[in-house]
Amino acid sequence: METVRIENFKCIEELDLQLGKITVLTGANSSGKTSVVQALLLLRMMISKTRLSADGEEMSVGCPPVLGVPAFDDIVRRGADTITISGDFGRLVMTPGEKTGNLQRYEGSSRVPVWMEAEDFVFLEAERIGPRWQSDLNPDAGKYCGAHGEFTANRLLDISVKFPKVSPARLCPGTATDNFQIQTDAWMSYIFGDVSLKSQPLSDKIAQITLRQPMGWFAASAAGFGYVYALPIILDGLTIPEGAMMVVENPEAHLHPKAQSNIGFFLGTLAAAGVRVVVETHSEHVVNGIRRAALSGIGLRPEEMSIYFFAETSEKADPIRITMDDEGELSDFPVDFFDQVRQDMKEMWRLVEQRGNIAESATEDLPDSNER
């Protein structure tokens, strides 16, 4: 486990986050999940870009654009004047600058995790590009799909030309070949059912993603949103090297519950293969897919998984850490932790009983035949 301590960042007053091989952030809306993701992104950006001096000298670098906010006052917890993110790797301190923005000081450590300074790091936002008739080809796209999936057509075209290999630990269940294109199709079929994908250039500047289903080949824009939304997760997951970090927001969006569970299993497979995975999700099916992976003997042990549940609150983020034992049992099951079916069924039974009582009362109030 890697412990990251976050202090006075947005709704977080104090939080000791234990990052397992895979860390799941779930819970109510606006309860702190995205704040944790943003804190990790901020830490990663500050260290990897080396925009802070090595000797701990303060530097004014402004608020990182990854947070989507313009100023320090927008990200510091109300009543505080300093943001701190710390751990065995060192300590990042942010304070407001008088004229030039935010002052940030990094007090380094000799032990910096690979995911903080390695070139490879993947972040897939919840807001991703949906199916398009065509996509722009960008020569500077790099080897990942981009935070919004904007380079997915590039990546799919690259793998059809360069024939990269997939590590044995990431092979789709029931397959043996390490061909990247075959593994991409295998995992997409594992998640959705029989499907193949390819990217074909329409010119030197644009390409089109097409899908083969049992009925034939279709442009991505003519298929379901879920395929194109999930594809960057598969492509980047099969590409990112061991030791690096992959952060995925809402992998379940636009997916059927079975597909949600299967993409959770894929993310668990990546964690077993040595990728540090952080997932923000509202789906119990994604969580259960990860739990299946932890019990399947592929290399991810239950104790290497961290689940954080953020309850609805107006005060401060105070998540409950939930662990799983070797029999698949969870250490805690707080109210609102994927128990909505139980809550809804309980309410429906109450309403049915109430309707029955009303009907019975109305019948009792009717005069009998003798009285009439």
Foldseek 3Di string as FASTA:
>chain_A
DFWKWKDQWAQAHIDTDDFFLEEEEAADPPQCRVSVVVVLVVQLCCVQVVPADQQFDKDQDADDCVVVDGAPVNTGHPPDAWIWMDGQQWIWIWGADPPRGIIITTGGHPDDFCQSHPPDAAAADPQADFFDQKAWADPPCPQACDNRSRHVLVNQAVLVPVQDFFDQLQADPPDDGRGLQVRLQRLLCLLPNHKHWGWADPDPTMIWIWMQDPVGIDTRVVDFRLSSLLSRVSSSLRPGDARHEHEYEANPPRGDLSSLLSVLLSQLSSSQRRYRYYYYHHDPSSVVSNLCNCQVPSRHPQQSYWYWYFYDDDRHTDTDIWTAHNVGDIPDDDPPNPCVVVVVVVVVVVVVVVVVVVVVVVVVPDDDPVVD
